[in-house]
Amino acid sequence: MAEYIYAVKQMFYGTPTGSNTLPESLSPLPDTVKGTITVEETEGTLTKFWVDQKKEPVRVIKSEEGDFTLTAQFYDFDFEKYAAFKGGVGVAGASFTPSTDYTTIDKAFRVVFDSGHVMDIYNGSCVARMTGGGGRDKMFAWELKVTPMLTQDLAGSYMIAASGV
């Protein structure tokens, strides 16, 4: 039977556990800007081995997997959540002050789909930025880009599954 994955219902985040499990407690992310959620996996890198006497390679191996990323934008400028992914200090309903240094942010994620599927990212490197514009027909948003990484125990990076798995 075919499996179709569609329509993000909600996104959650928490502190990575160090293994291929999610933390007991996850916090919800704001509703996403329509059409901004993307899941991309670039093509892996192939290495070709050639000999002078042949016009085709004698061996081709995949030497590197492609990059997998999840990107979403949010209109709800929750300063505390923005700071959680950008670094710095966020005060609810008041202000955001960016970090004065480079900040590494790693989080665990669960993405729930209307199709009944879930995507779990056990250890994701996060980059957040402000985007958009001010005007009558524009609104500022913040964007979150997550790149899965291996867990501390090297058990995995992400999983896509039917609900309840």
C-alpha atoms as a PDB file:
ATOM      1  CA  MET A   1       0.000   0.000   0.000  1.00  0.00           C
ATOM      2  CA  ALA A   2       1.257   3.481  -0.866  1.00  0.00           C
ATOM      3  CA  GLU A   3       2.416   5.848   1.866  1.00  0.00           C
ATOM      4  CA  TYR A   4       1.689   9.551   1.390  1.00  0.00           C
ATOM      5  CA  ILE A   5       3.101  12.099   3.820  1.00  0.00           C
ATOM      6  CA  TYR A   6       1.496  15.541   3.749  1.00  0.00           C
ATOM      7  CA  ALA A   7       0.434  18.649   5.670  1.00  0.00           C
ATOM      8  CA  VAL A   8       2.410  19.568   8.773  1.00  0.00           C
ATOM      9  CA  LYS A   9       0.022  19.649  11.714  1.00  0.00           C
ATOM     10  CA  GLN A  10       2.399  20.766  14.467  1.00  0.00           C
ATOM     11  CA  MET A  11       6.084  20.979  15.350  1.00  0.00           C
ATOM     12  CA  PHE A  12       7.684  20.393  18.760  1.00  0.00           C
ATOM     13  CA  TYR A  13      11.220  20.760  20.145  1.00  0.00           C
ATOM     14  CA  GLY A  14      13.226  19.807  23.221  1.00  0.00           C
ATOM     15  CA  THR A  15      16.686  18.998  24.545  1.00  0.00           C
ATOM     16  CA  PRO A  16      18.457  16.101  22.785  1.00  0.00           C
ATOM     17  CA  THR A  17      18.768  12.933  24.896  1.00  0.00           C
ATOM     18  CA  GLY A  18      22.073  11.780  23.398  1.00  0.00           C
ATOM     19  CA  SER A  19      20.442   8.731  21.811  1.00  0.00           C
ATOM     20  CA  ASN A  20      17.858   8.017  19.117  1.00  0.00           C
ATOM     21  CA  THR A  21      14.956   8.863  21.419  1.00  0.00           C
ATOM     22  CA  LEU A  22      13.073  12.087  22.018  1.00  0.00           C
ATOM     23  CA  PRO A  23      12.981  13.801  25.408  1.00  0.00           C
ATOM     24  CA  GLU A  24       9.957  13.182  27.647  1.00  0.00           C
ATOM     25  CA  SER A  25       8.971  16.843  27.453  1.00  0.00           C
ATOM     26  CA  LEU A  26       8.593  18.692  24.151  1.00  0.00           C
ATOM     27  CA  SER A  27       7.524  22.315  23.685  1.00  0.00           C
ATOM     28  CA  PRO A  28       5.334  23.378  20.752  1.00  0.00           C
ATOM     29  CA  LEU A  29       6.627  25.721  18.073  1.00  0.00           C
ATOM     30  CA  PRO A  30       4.307  28.458  16.754  1.00  0.00           C
ATOM     31  CA  ASP A  31       2.113  27.886  13.698  1.00  0.00           C
ATOM     32  CA  THR A  32       4.150  27.954  10.501  1.00  0.00           C
ATOM     33  CA  VAL A  33       3.825  30.502   7.706  1.00  0.00           C
ATOM     34  CA  LYS A  34       1.846  28.896   4.890  1.00  0.00           C
ATOM     35  CA  GLY A  35       4.080  27.262   2.304  1.00  0.00           C
ATOM     36  CA  THR A  36       7.388  27.753   4.151  1.00  0.00           C
ATOM     37  CA  ILE A  37       8.021  24.254   5.477  1.00  0.00           C
ATOM     38  CA  THR A  38      10.516  22.443   3.307  1.00  0.00           C
ATOM     39  CA  VAL A  39      12.281  19.142   3.754  1.00  0.00           C
ATOM     40  CA  GLU A  40      15.267  18.907   1.434  1.00  0.00           C
ATOM     41  CA  GLU A  41      17.832  16.230   0.870  1.00  0.00           C
ATOM     42  CA  THR A  42      20.576  17.066  -1.579  1.00  0.00           C
ATOM     43  CA  GLU A  43      22.121  14.443  -3.784  1.00  0.00           C
ATOM     44  CA  GLY A  44      25.037  12.557  -2.269  1.00  0.00           C
ATOM     45  CA  THR A  45      28.579  12.891  -3.585  1.00  0.00           C
ATOM     46  CA  LEU A  46      29.949  10.188  -5.853  1.00  0.00           C
ATOM     47  CA  THR A  47      33.633   9.498  -6.368  1.00  0.00           C
ATOM     48  CA  LYS A  48      34.629   8.008  -9.719  1.00  0.00           C
ATOM     49  CA  PHE A  49      37.778   5.958 -10.205  1.00  0.00           C
ATOM     50  CA  TRP A  50      39.290   6.107 -13.679  1.00  0.00           C
ATOM     51  CA  VAL A  51      42.029   4.323 -15.567  1.00  0.00           C
ATOM     52  CA  ASP A  52      43.762   5.772 -18.622  1.00  0.00           C
ATOM     53  CA  GLN A  53      42.743   2.920 -20.874  1.00  0.00           C
ATOM     54  CA  LYS A  54      38.943   3.081 -20.388  1.00  0.00           C
ATOM     55  CA  LYS A  55      36.365   5.731 -21.263  1.00  0.00           C
ATOM     56  CA  GLU A  56      34.123   4.865 -18.295  1.00  0.00           C
ATOM     57  CA  PRO A  57      35.054   4.756 -14.602  1.00  0.00           C
ATOM     58  CA  VAL A  58      36.067   1.340 -13.269  1.00  0.00           C
ATOM     59  CA  ARG A  59      34.322   2.010  -9.967  1.00  0.00           C
ATOM     60  CA  VAL A  60      31.896   4.586  -8.596  1.00  0.00           C
ATOM     61  CA  ILE A  61      31.215   4.841  -4.872  1.00  0.00           C
ATOM     62  CA  LYS A  62      29.079   7.132  -2.784  1.00  0.00           C
ATOM     63  CA  SER A  63      31.640   9.012  -0.735  1.00  0.00           C
ATOM     64  CA  GLU A  64      29.284  11.371   1.080  1.00  0.00           C
ATOM     65  CA  GLU A  65      25.567  11.451   1.823  1.00  0.00           C
ATOM     66  CA  GLY A  66      23.556  14.494   0.821  1.00  0.00           C
ATOM     67  CA  ASP A  67      22.563  17.185   3.302  1.00  0.00           C
ATOM     68  CA  PHE A  68      19.143  16.761   4.901  1.00  0.00           C
ATOM     69  CA  THR A  69      17.466  19.934   6.167  1.00  0.00           C
ATOM     70  CA  LEU A  70      14.103  20.975   7.555  1.00  0.00           C
ATOM     71  CA  THR A  71      13.208  24.667   7.202  1.00  0.00           C
ATOM     72  CA  ALA A  72      10.143  26.546   8.475  1.00  0.00           C
ATOM     73  CA  GLN A  73       9.102  30.144   9.089  1.00  0.00           C
ATOM     74  CA  PHE A  74       6.972  31.572  11.890  1.00  0.00           C
ATOM     75  CA  TYR A  75       5.125  34.899  12.130  1.00  0.00           C
ATOM     76  CA  ASP A  76       4.649  34.585  15.902  1.00  0.00           C
ATOM     77  CA  PHE A  77       7.752  36.401  17.122  1.00  0.00           C
ATOM     78  CA  ASP A  78       7.939  34.695  20.503  1.00  0.00           C
ATOM     79  CA  PHE A  79      11.172  36.244  21.798  1.00  0.00           C
ATOM     80  CA  GLU A  80      11.935  33.336  24.151  1.00  0.00           C
ATOM     81  CA  LYS A  81      11.547  30.736  21.392  1.00  0.00           C
ATOM     82  CA  TYR A  82      13.556  32.844  18.944  1.00  0.00           C
ATOM     83  CA  ALA A  83      16.374  33.107  21.515  1.00  0.00           C
ATOM     84  CA  ALA A  84      16.210  29.339  22.101  1.00  0.00           C
ATOM     85  CA  PHE A  85      17.227  28.815  18.453  1.00  0.00           C
ATOM     86  CA  LYS A  86      19.263  31.955  17.740  1.00  0.00           C
ATOM     87  CA  GLY A  87      21.135  32.320  21.003  1.00  0.00           C
ATOM     88  CA  GLY A  88      20.915  35.423  23.119  1.00  0.00           C
ATOM     89  CA  VAL A  89      18.248  36.484  25.585  1.00  0.00           C
ATOM     90  CA  GLY A  90      14.529  36.534  24.929  1.00  0.00           C
ATOM     91  CA  VAL A  91      12.043  38.017  27.371  1.00  0.00           C
ATOM     92  CA  ALA A  92       8.437  36.968  26.729  1.00  0.00           C
ATOM     93  CA  GLY A  93       6.385  39.824  25.327  1.00  0.00           C
ATOM     94  CA  ALA A  94       9.235  42.286  25.775  1.00  0.00           C
ATOM     95  CA  SER A  95      12.499  41.931  23.853  1.00  0.00           C
ATOM     96  CA  PHE A  96      15.233  39.897  22.181  1.00  0.00           C
ATOM     97  CA  THR A  97      18.941  40.659  22.587  1.00  0.00           C
ATOM     98  CA  PRO A  98      21.294  38.619  20.369  1.00  0.00           C
ATOM     99  CA  SER A  99      24.295  36.736  21.675  1.00  0.00           C
ATOM    100  CA  THR A 100      27.632  38.545  21.522  1.00  0.00           C
ATOM    101  CA  ASP A 101      29.409  35.346  20.489  1.00  0.00           C
ATOM    102  CA  TYR A 102      28.922  32.435  18.099  1.00  0.00           C
ATOM    103  CA  THR A 103      26.287  30.151  19.543  1.00  0.00           C
ATOM    104  CA  THR A 104      25.815  26.466  18.770  1.00  0.00           C
ATOM    105  CA  ILE A 105      22.208  25.372  19.213  1.00  0.00           C
ATOM    106  CA  ASP A 106      21.242  21.687  19.122  1.00  0.00           C
ATOM    107  CA  LYS A 107      17.632  20.559  19.652  1.00  0.00           C
ATOM    108  CA  ALA A 108      15.446  17.489  19.217  1.00  0.00           C
ATOM    109  CA  PHE A 109      12.291  17.822  17.082  1.00  0.00           C
ATOM    110  CA  ARG A 110       9.039  16.060  16.340  1.00  0.00           C
ATOM    111  CA  VAL A 111       7.026  17.040  13.278  1.00  0.00           C
ATOM    112  CA  VAL A 112       3.459  15.691  13.231  1.00  0.00           C
ATOM    113  CA  PHE A 113       1.702  15.397   9.860  1.00  0.00           C
ATOM    114  CA  ASP A 114      -2.027  15.327   9.069  1.00  0.00           C
ATOM    115  CA  SER A 115      -1.326  12.103   7.173  1.00  0.00           C
ATOM    116  CA  GLY A 116      -0.691  10.396  10.528  1.00  0.00           C
ATOM    117  CA  HIS A 117       3.090  10.270  10.116  1.00  0.00           C
ATOM    118  CA  VAL A 118       5.775  11.724  12.373  1.00  0.00           C
ATOM    119  CA  MET A 119       9.331  12.868  11.723  1.00  0.00           C
ATOM    120  CA  ASP A 120      11.652  12.706  14.714  1.00  0.00           C
ATOM    121  CA  ILE A 121      14.985  14.515  14.609  1.00  0.00           C
ATOM    122  CA  TYR A 122      16.968  13.320  17.615  1.00  0.00           C
ATOM    123  CA  ASN A 123      19.805  15.834  17.411  1.00  0.00           C
ATOM    124  CA  GLY A 124      19.420  18.791  15.065  1.00  0.00           C
ATOM    125  CA  SER A 125      21.837  21.649  14.524  1.00  0.00           C
ATOM    126  CA  CYS A 126      19.715  24.816  14.449  1.00  0.00           C
ATOM    127  CA  VAL A 127      20.172  28.125  12.688  1.00  0.00           C
ATOM    128  CA  ALA A 128      17.586  30.884  13.084  1.00  0.00           C
ATOM    129  CA  ARG A 129      17.278  34.209  11.317  1.00  0.00           C
ATOM    130  CA  MET A 130      14.862  37.060  10.880  1.00  0.00           C
ATOM    131  CA  THR A 131      13.314  37.452   7.435  1.00  0.00           C
ATOM    132  CA  GLY A 132      10.530  39.305   5.657  1.00  0.00           C
ATOM    133  CA  GLY A 133       9.774  42.963   5.453  1.00  0.00           C
ATOM    134  CA  GLY A 134       7.709  45.712   6.910  1.00  0.00           C
ATOM    135  CA  GLY A 135       4.866  47.096   4.875  1.00  0.00           C
ATOM    136  CA  ARG A 136       1.118  46.890   4.497  1.00  0.00           C
ATOM    137  CA  ASP A 137       1.354  43.619   2.603  1.00  0.00           C
ATOM    138  CA  LYS A 138       4.350  42.089   4.413  1.00  0.00           C
ATOM    139  CA  MET A 139       5.118  40.809   7.863  1.00  0.00           C
ATOM    140  CA  PHE A 140       8.385  39.978   9.582  1.00  0.00           C
ATOM    141  CA  ALA A 141       8.957  36.318  10.357  1.00  0.00           C
ATOM    142  CA  TRP A 142      11.708  34.203  11.794  1.00  0.00           C
ATOM    143  CA  GLU A 143      13.095  31.201  10.001  1.00  0.00           C
ATOM    144  CA  LEU A 144      14.453  28.026  11.534  1.00  0.00           C
ATOM    145  CA  LYS A 145      16.717  25.640   9.628  1.00  0.00           C
ATOM    146  CA  VAL A 146      17.467  22.264  11.208  1.00  0.00           C
ATOM    147  CA  THR A 147      20.158  19.844  10.016  1.00  0.00           C
ATOM    148  CA  PRO A 148      20.043  16.388  11.648  1.00  0.00           C
ATOM    149  CA  MET A 149      23.304  15.113  13.161  1.00  0.00           C
ATOM    150  CA  LEU A 150      24.277  11.781  14.660  1.00  0.00           C
ATOM    151  CA  THR A 151      23.404  11.404  18.313  1.00  0.00           C
ATOM    152  CA  GLN A 152      26.135  11.234  20.969  1.00  0.00           C
ATOM    153  CA  ASP A 153      25.908   7.430  21.041  1.00  0.00           C
ATOM    154  CA  LEU A 154      25.966   7.350  17.192  1.00  0.00           C
ATOM    155  CA  ALA A 155      22.590   5.545  17.161  1.00  0.00           C
ATOM    156  CA  GLY A 156      20.991   7.696  14.467  1.00  0.00           C
ATOM    157  CA  SER A 157      19.924  11.155  13.390  1.00  0.00           C
ATOM    158  CA  TYR A 158      16.263  11.097  12.325  1.00  0.00           C
ATOM    159  CA  MET A 159      13.301   8.842  11.581  1.00  0.00           C
ATOM    160  CA  ILE A 160      10.094   9.147   9.557  1.00  0.00           C
ATOM    161  CA  ALA A 161       7.360   6.732  10.607  1.00  0.00           C
ATOM    162  CA  ALA A 162       3.667   6.016  10.783  1.00  0.00           C
ATOM    163  CA  SER A 163       2.044   7.542  13.883  1.00  0.00           C
ATOM    164  CA  GLY A 164       2.413   5.654  17.135  1.00  0.00           C
ATOM    165  CA  VAL A 165       5.752   4.043  16.250  1.00  0.00           C
END
